[in-house]
């Protein structure tokens, strides 16, 4: 398939001749730092796994490395937060076992929008958790 081969060749050229990988890592690092500030301000324990350009977010002190450890994380908090994020236009994987993907086209405005949505989603999730405790 010539089109697939041409796309692969162009992708490899971009990776070789541009700072795309460094840009992606920077975007991911900035996003993780911003998310951590939001979660730390609310006393929410969390951890990350993976490369900054494709990281996983977990609500556990240490990122799980197997299913049993994942089951002890607060994956239900993540699941609820992901649904709020989707409603706010941030498409992350709704399953905490899947990573967040960063695109080189993301910029400072995308970061600001995403962090605003994360803050809103985290607060909505906290409110929902509290409401469920009272019920």
N, C-alpha and C. Protein backbone atom coordinates (compact mmCIF):
# COMPACT_ATOMS: atom_id res chain seq x y z
N UNK A 1 0.84 -1.17 0.00
CA UNK A 1 0.00 0.00 0.00
C UNK A 1 0.89 1.24 0.00
N UNK A 2 0.96 1.86 -1.13
CA UNK A 2 1.85 3.00 -1.32
C UNK A 2 1.51 4.17 -0.40
N UNK A 3 0.24 4.42 -0.18
CA UNK A 3 -0.15 5.56 0.67
C UNK A 3 0.34 5.33 2.10
N UNK A 4 0.17 4.13 2.62
CA UNK A 4 0.64 3.82 3.98
C UNK A 4 2.15 3.97 4.09
N UNK A 5 2.86 3.49 3.09
CA UNK A 5 4.32 3.60 3.10
C UNK A 5 4.76 5.06 3.02
N UNK A 6 4.08 5.85 2.21
CA UNK A 6 4.42 7.27 2.10
C UNK A 6 4.16 7.99 3.42
N UNK A 7 3.06 7.65 4.08
CA UNK A 7 2.75 8.26 5.38
C UNK A 7 3.79 7.87 6.42
N UNK A 8 4.18 6.61 6.44
CA UNK A 8 5.20 6.15 7.39
C UNK A 8 6.53 6.86 7.12
N UNK A 9 6.89 6.98 5.86
CA UNK A 9 8.15 7.64 5.51
C UNK A 9 8.14 9.11 5.95
N UNK A 10 7.02 9.78 5.74
CA UNK A 10 6.91 11.19 6.16
C UNK A 10 6.96 11.32 7.68
N UNK A 11 6.32 10.41 8.36
CA UNK A 11 6.35 10.42 9.82
C UNK A 11 7.79 10.26 10.32
N UNK A 12 8.50 9.32 9.76
CA UNK A 12 9.90 9.12 10.15
C UNK A 12 10.76 10.34 9.82
N UNK A 13 10.48 10.99 8.70
CA UNK A 13 11.22 12.21 8.35
C UNK A 13 10.97 13.30 9.38
N UNK A 14 9.71 13.48 9.74
CA UNK A 14 9.36 14.50 10.73
C UNK A 14 10.06 14.21 12.05
N UNK A 15 10.03 12.97 12.49
CA UNK A 15 10.67 12.60 13.75
C UNK A 15 12.18 12.82 13.70
N UNK A 16 12.75 12.60 12.53
CA UNK A 16 14.20 12.75 12.37
C UNK A 16 14.63 14.21 12.24
N UNK A 17 13.83 15.03 11.57
CA UNK A 17 14.27 16.37 11.20
C UNK A 17 13.63 17.51 12.00
N UNK A 18 12.73 17.20 12.90
CA UNK A 18 12.08 18.25 13.69
C UNK A 18 12.17 17.90 15.17
N UNK A 19 11.89 18.86 16.03
CA UNK A 19 11.89 18.56 17.48
C UNK A 19 10.54 18.02 17.96
N UNK A 20 9.83 17.28 17.11
CA UNK A 20 8.49 16.81 17.45
C UNK A 20 8.45 16.03 18.76
N UNK A 21 9.38 15.11 18.95
CA UNK A 21 9.36 14.29 20.17
C UNK A 21 9.60 15.13 21.42
N UNK A 22 10.52 16.09 21.33
CA UNK A 22 10.77 16.98 22.46
C UNK A 22 9.55 17.86 22.74
N UNK A 23 8.91 18.32 21.67
CA UNK A 23 7.71 19.14 21.82
C UNK A 23 6.61 18.35 22.52
N UNK A 24 6.40 17.12 22.07
CA UNK A 24 5.39 16.26 22.69
C UNK A 24 5.69 16.02 24.16
N UNK A 25 6.93 15.72 24.47
CA UNK A 25 7.32 15.48 25.85
C UNK A 25 7.08 16.73 26.70
N UNK A 26 7.39 17.89 26.15
CA UNK A 26 7.15 19.14 26.87
C UNK A 26 5.68 19.38 27.14
N UNK A 27 4.84 19.14 26.13
CA UNK A 27 3.39 19.29 26.31
C UNK A 27 2.90 18.35 27.42
N UNK A 28 3.35 17.10 27.37
CA UNK A 28 2.92 16.13 28.36
C UNK A 28 3.39 16.47 29.76
N UNK A 29 4.63 16.90 29.87
CA UNK A 29 5.17 17.29 31.17
C UNK A 29 4.39 18.48 31.74
N UNK A 30 4.09 19.47 30.90
CA UNK A 30 3.31 20.63 31.37
C UNK A 30 1.91 20.22 31.79
N UNK A 31 1.30 19.30 31.06
CA UNK A 31 -0.04 18.84 31.41
C UNK A 31 -0.01 18.07 32.72
N UNK A 32 0.95 17.18 32.89
CA UNK A 32 1.04 16.42 34.14
C UNK A 32 1.30 17.35 35.33
N UNK A 33 2.16 18.35 35.14
CA UNK A 33 2.44 19.31 36.21
C UNK A 33 1.17 20.07 36.59
N UNK A 34 0.42 20.51 35.58
CA UNK A 34 -0.81 21.25 35.85
C UNK A 34 -1.86 20.38 36.53
N UNK A 35 -2.01 19.14 36.08
CA UNK A 35 -2.96 18.23 36.72
C UNK A 35 -2.55 17.98 38.16
N UNK A 36 -1.26 17.79 38.39
CA UNK A 36 -0.78 17.56 39.76
C UNK A 36 -1.09 18.75 40.66
N UNK A 37 -0.93 19.96 40.16
CA UNK A 37 -1.25 21.14 40.98
C UNK A 37 -2.72 21.13 41.38
N UNK A 38 -3.58 20.79 40.44
CA UNK A 38 -5.02 20.74 40.73
C UNK A 38 -5.32 19.67 41.77
N UNK A 39 -4.78 18.48 41.57
CA UNK A 39 -5.06 17.37 42.48
C UNK A 39 -4.40 17.59 43.84
N UNK A 40 -3.18 18.09 43.86
CA UNK A 40 -2.51 18.35 45.14
C UNK A 40 -3.26 19.39 45.96
N UNK A 41 -3.80 20.41 45.30
CA UNK A 41 -4.54 21.46 46.00
C UNK A 41 -5.79 20.89 46.69
N UNK A 42 -6.26 19.75 46.22
CA UNK A 42 -7.45 19.12 46.79
C UNK A 42 -7.10 17.90 47.64
N UNK A 43 -5.81 17.67 47.81
CA UNK A 43 -5.37 16.55 48.64
C UNK A 43 -5.66 15.19 48.02
N UNK A 44 -5.68 15.11 46.70
CA UNK A 44 -6.00 13.86 46.01
C UNK A 44 -4.71 13.14 45.64
N UNK A 45 -4.55 11.96 46.17
CA UNK A 45 -3.37 11.14 45.90
C UNK A 45 -3.44 10.66 44.45
N UNK A 46 -2.31 10.76 43.75
CA UNK A 46 -2.28 10.35 42.35
C UNK A 46 -0.85 10.02 41.94
N UNK A 47 -0.73 9.38 40.80
CA UNK A 47 0.58 9.04 40.24
C UNK A 47 0.43 8.92 38.73
N UNK A 48 1.57 8.89 38.07
CA UNK A 48 1.60 8.78 36.62
C UNK A 48 2.49 7.61 36.22
N UNK A 49 2.24 7.12 35.04
CA UNK A 49 3.09 6.10 34.45
C UNK A 49 3.28 6.42 32.98
N UNK A 50 4.37 5.96 32.42
CA UNK A 50 4.59 6.14 31.00
C UNK A 50 5.37 7.40 30.67
N UNK A 51 5.60 7.58 29.38
CA UNK A 51 6.30 8.74 28.85
C UNK A 51 5.37 9.95 28.88
N UNK A 52 5.88 11.16 29.10
CA UNK A 52 5.01 12.34 29.15
C UNK A 52 4.13 12.53 27.91
N UNK A 53 4.55 12.04 26.76
CA UNK A 53 3.73 12.22 25.56
C UNK A 53 2.58 11.21 25.50
N UNK A 54 2.58 10.24 26.41
CA UNK A 54 1.55 9.21 26.43
C UNK A 54 1.52 8.62 27.84
N UNK A 55 0.98 9.41 28.77
CA UNK A 55 1.05 9.04 30.17
C UNK A 55 -0.27 8.48 30.69
N UNK A 56 -0.15 7.71 31.75
CA UNK A 56 -1.33 7.22 32.45
C UNK A 56 -1.47 7.95 33.77
N UNK A 57 -2.71 8.23 34.15
CA UNK A 57 -3.02 8.90 35.41
C UNK A 57 -3.76 7.92 36.30
N UNK A 58 -3.26 7.77 37.52
CA UNK A 58 -3.89 6.86 38.46
C UNK A 58 -4.13 7.56 39.78
N UNK A 59 -5.21 7.18 40.43
CA UNK A 59 -5.51 7.71 41.75
C UNK A 59 -5.07 6.69 42.79
N UNK A 60 -3.74 6.63 42.92
CA UNK A 60 -3.07 5.74 43.87
C UNK A 60 -1.70 6.37 44.14
N UNK A 61 -1.14 6.07 45.28
CA UNK A 61 0.17 6.63 45.63
C UNK A 61 1.26 6.21 44.65
N UNK A 62 1.17 4.96 44.21
CA UNK A 62 2.14 4.42 43.25
C UNK A 62 1.36 3.89 42.05
N UNK A 63 1.84 4.20 40.86
CA UNK A 63 1.16 3.72 39.66
C UNK A 63 1.17 2.20 39.64
N UNK A 64 0.01 1.59 39.41
CA UNK A 64 -0.03 0.12 39.39
C UNK A 64 0.73 -0.45 38.20
N UNK A 65 1.29 -1.63 38.41
CA UNK A 65 1.99 -2.29 37.31
C UNK A 65 1.39 -3.67 37.01
N UNK A 66 0.21 -3.93 37.61
CA UNK A 66 -0.52 -5.16 37.31
C UNK A 66 -1.99 -4.95 37.66
N UNK A 67 -2.79 -5.88 37.24
CA UNK A 67 -4.24 -5.73 37.42
C UNK A 67 -4.63 -5.65 38.89
N UNK A 68 -4.03 -6.49 39.71
CA UNK A 68 -4.37 -6.51 41.14
C UNK A 68 -4.09 -5.15 41.78
N UNK A 69 -2.96 -4.54 41.42
CA UNK A 69 -2.63 -3.21 41.95
C UNK A 69 -3.59 -2.16 41.41
N UNK A 70 -3.97 -2.29 40.13
CA UNK A 70 -4.92 -1.34 39.55
C UNK A 70 -6.25 -1.39 40.30
N UNK A 71 -6.69 -2.60 40.66
CA UNK A 71 -7.97 -2.75 41.36
C UNK A 71 -7.97 -2.04 42.71
N UNK A 72 -6.79 -1.82 43.30
CA UNK A 72 -6.73 -1.12 44.58
C UNK A 72 -6.64 0.40 44.40
N UNK A 73 -6.47 0.86 43.15
CA UNK A 73 -6.46 2.30 42.90
C UNK A 73 -7.91 2.79 42.89
N UNK A 74 -8.09 4.09 42.95
CA UNK A 74 -9.45 4.66 42.92
C UNK A 74 -9.86 4.87 41.48
N UNK A 75 -9.99 3.77 40.74
CA UNK A 75 -10.34 3.86 39.33
C UNK A 75 -11.75 4.39 39.12
N UNK A 76 -12.61 4.24 40.10
CA UNK A 76 -13.97 4.77 39.94
C UNK A 76 -13.95 6.30 39.93
N UNK A 77 -13.02 6.91 40.67
CA UNK A 77 -12.88 8.37 40.62
C UNK A 77 -12.45 8.78 39.21
N UNK A 78 -11.48 8.05 38.66
CA UNK A 78 -11.02 8.34 37.30
C UNK A 78 -12.17 8.18 36.31
N UNK A 79 -12.91 7.08 36.41
CA UNK A 79 -14.01 6.83 35.48
C UNK A 79 -15.01 7.98 35.48
N UNK A 80 -15.38 8.44 36.66
CA UNK A 80 -16.33 9.54 36.78
C UNK A 80 -15.75 10.82 36.21
N UNK A 81 -14.49 11.11 36.57
CA UNK A 81 -13.84 12.31 36.07
C UNK A 81 -13.76 12.30 34.54
N UNK A 82 -13.45 11.15 33.96
CA UNK A 82 -13.33 11.04 32.50
C UNK A 82 -14.65 11.39 31.82
N UNK A 83 -15.76 10.97 32.40
CA UNK A 83 -17.07 11.30 31.81
C UNK A 83 -17.31 12.81 31.85
N UNK A 84 -16.96 13.44 32.95
CA UNK A 84 -17.08 14.91 33.02
C UNK A 84 -16.16 15.57 31.99
N UNK A 85 -14.95 15.06 31.85
CA UNK A 85 -14.02 15.63 30.87
C UNK A 85 -14.60 15.52 29.46
N UNK A 86 -15.18 14.39 29.14
CA UNK A 86 -15.79 14.22 27.81
C UNK A 86 -16.88 15.26 27.59
N UNK A 87 -17.70 15.49 28.61
CA UNK A 87 -18.76 16.50 28.51
C UNK A 87 -18.18 17.90 28.31
N UNK A 88 -16.96 18.11 28.78
CA UNK A 88 -16.30 19.41 28.66
C UNK A 88 -15.43 19.51 27.40
N UNK A 89 -15.47 18.48 26.57
CA UNK A 89 -14.74 18.52 25.30
C UNK A 89 -13.33 18.01 25.34
N UNK A 90 -12.94 17.39 26.44
CA UNK A 90 -11.60 16.81 26.55
C UNK A 90 -11.75 15.30 26.40
N UNK A 91 -11.20 14.78 25.34
CA UNK A 91 -11.36 13.37 25.05
C UNK A 91 -10.14 12.61 25.58
N UNK A 92 -10.32 12.02 26.73
CA UNK A 92 -9.31 11.13 27.29
C UNK A 92 -9.93 9.74 27.32
N UNK A 93 -9.11 8.76 27.48
CA UNK A 93 -9.63 7.40 27.58
C UNK A 93 -10.51 7.29 28.82
N UNK A 94 -11.70 6.72 28.69
CA UNK A 94 -12.56 6.59 29.87
C UNK A 94 -12.14 5.46 30.81
N UNK A 95 -11.12 4.73 30.45
CA UNK A 95 -10.60 3.63 31.26
C UNK A 95 -9.21 4.04 31.75
N UNK A 96 -9.02 4.07 33.06
CA UNK A 96 -7.75 4.55 33.62
C UNK A 96 -6.56 3.68 33.26
N UNK A 97 -6.81 2.49 32.73
CA UNK A 97 -5.69 1.63 32.32
C UNK A 97 -5.10 2.07 30.99
N UNK A 98 -5.77 2.98 30.31
CA UNK A 98 -5.31 3.46 29.01
C UNK A 98 -4.64 4.82 29.18
N UNK A 99 -3.63 5.12 28.37
CA UNK A 99 -2.91 6.41 28.52
C UNK A 99 -3.65 7.58 27.88
N UNK A 100 -3.21 8.76 28.28
CA UNK A 100 -3.62 10.00 27.62
C UNK A 100 -2.63 10.22 26.48
N UNK A 101 -3.13 10.65 25.35
CA UNK A 101 -2.28 10.89 24.19
C UNK A 101 -2.15 12.38 23.95
N UNK A 102 -0.95 12.82 23.66
CA UNK A 102 -0.66 14.22 23.38
C UNK A 102 -0.32 14.34 21.90
N UNK A 103 -0.71 15.47 21.31
CA UNK A 103 -0.43 15.73 19.90
C UNK A 103 0.49 16.95 19.80
N UNK A 104 1.38 16.93 18.83
CA UNK A 104 2.30 18.06 18.67
C UNK A 104 1.55 19.35 18.37
N UNK A 105 0.36 19.24 17.80
CA UNK A 105 -0.43 20.43 17.48
C UNK A 105 -0.99 21.11 18.74
N UNK A 106 -0.99 20.40 19.87
CA UNK A 106 -1.45 21.04 21.10
C UNK A 106 -0.52 22.19 21.45
N UNK A 107 -1.09 23.26 21.96
CA UNK A 107 -0.30 24.45 22.30
C UNK A 107 -0.70 24.96 23.67
N UNK A 108 -0.21 26.14 24.03
CA UNK A 108 -0.49 26.69 25.36
C UNK A 108 -1.99 26.90 25.57
N UNK A 109 -2.71 27.29 24.54
CA UNK A 109 -4.16 27.48 24.67
C UNK A 109 -4.86 26.15 24.95
N UNK A 110 -4.42 25.10 24.27
CA UNK A 110 -4.97 23.76 24.52
C UNK A 110 -4.69 23.34 25.96
N UNK A 111 -3.47 23.60 26.42
CA UNK A 111 -3.11 23.26 27.79
C UNK A 111 -4.00 23.98 28.78
N UNK A 112 -4.19 25.27 28.58
CA UNK A 112 -5.03 26.06 29.49
C UNK A 112 -6.46 25.54 29.48
N UNK A 113 -7.00 25.27 28.30
CA UNK A 113 -8.37 24.74 28.20
C UNK A 113 -8.49 23.39 28.89
N UNK A 114 -7.49 22.55 28.68
CA UNK A 114 -7.52 21.21 29.27
C UNK A 114 -7.45 21.29 30.79
N UNK A 115 -6.56 22.12 31.30
CA UNK A 115 -6.42 22.23 32.75
C UNK A 115 -7.67 22.84 33.39
N UNK A 116 -8.29 23.78 32.72
CA UNK A 116 -9.55 24.34 33.23
C UNK A 116 -10.61 23.25 33.29
N UNK A 117 -10.68 22.43 32.24
CA UNK A 117 -11.65 21.33 32.22
C UNK A 117 -11.33 20.29 33.28
N UNK A 118 -10.04 19.99 33.48
CA UNK A 118 -9.66 19.02 34.51
C UNK A 118 -10.10 19.53 35.88
N UNK A 119 -9.85 20.80 36.14
CA UNK A 119 -10.25 21.36 37.43
C UNK A 119 -11.76 21.26 37.63
N UNK A 120 -12.51 21.60 36.61
CA UNK A 120 -13.98 21.51 36.67
C UNK A 120 -14.41 20.06 36.88
N UNK A 121 -13.81 19.14 36.12
CA UNK A 121 -14.18 17.72 36.21
C UNK A 121 -13.82 17.14 37.58
N UNK A 122 -12.66 17.50 38.11
CA UNK A 122 -12.27 17.00 39.42
C UNK A 122 -13.25 17.50 40.48
N UNK A 123 -13.58 18.78 40.43
CA UNK A 123 -14.52 19.33 41.41
C UNK A 123 -15.90 18.69 41.28
N UNK A 124 -16.36 18.47 40.06
CA UNK A 124 -17.65 17.81 39.85
C UNK A 124 -17.62 16.38 40.37
N UNK A 125 -16.51 15.71 40.16
CA UNK A 125 -16.36 14.33 40.65
C UNK A 125 -16.37 14.31 42.17
N UNK A 126 -15.65 15.23 42.78
CA UNK A 126 -15.65 15.31 44.25
C UNK A 126 -17.06 15.56 44.78
N UNK A 127 -17.80 16.44 44.13
CA UNK A 127 -19.18 16.72 44.54
C UNK A 127 -20.04 15.48 44.40
N UNK A 128 -19.87 14.74 43.31
CA UNK A 128 -20.66 13.53 43.09
C UNK A 128 -20.33 12.47 44.14
N UNK A 129 -19.05 12.31 44.44
CA UNK A 129 -18.63 11.33 45.46
C UNK A 129 -19.25 11.70 46.81
N UNK A 130 -19.20 12.98 47.16
CA UNK A 130 -19.79 13.41 48.43
C UNK A 130 -21.31 13.20 48.45
N UNK A 131 -21.98 13.50 47.35
CA UNK A 131 -23.42 13.29 47.27
C UNK A 131 -23.78 11.81 47.42
N UNK A 132 -22.96 10.95 46.83
CA UNK A 132 -23.22 9.51 46.92
C UNK A 132 -22.99 9.01 48.34
N UNK A 133 -22.05 9.62 49.07
CA UNK A 133 -21.81 9.23 50.47
C UNK A 133 -22.99 9.61 51.34
N UNK A 134 -23.59 10.78 51.04
CA UNK A 134 -24.73 11.27 51.84
C UNK A 134 -26.00 10.48 51.55
N UNK A 135 -26.08 9.91 50.37
CA UNK A 135 -27.32 9.22 49.96
C UNK A 135 -27.49 7.88 50.62
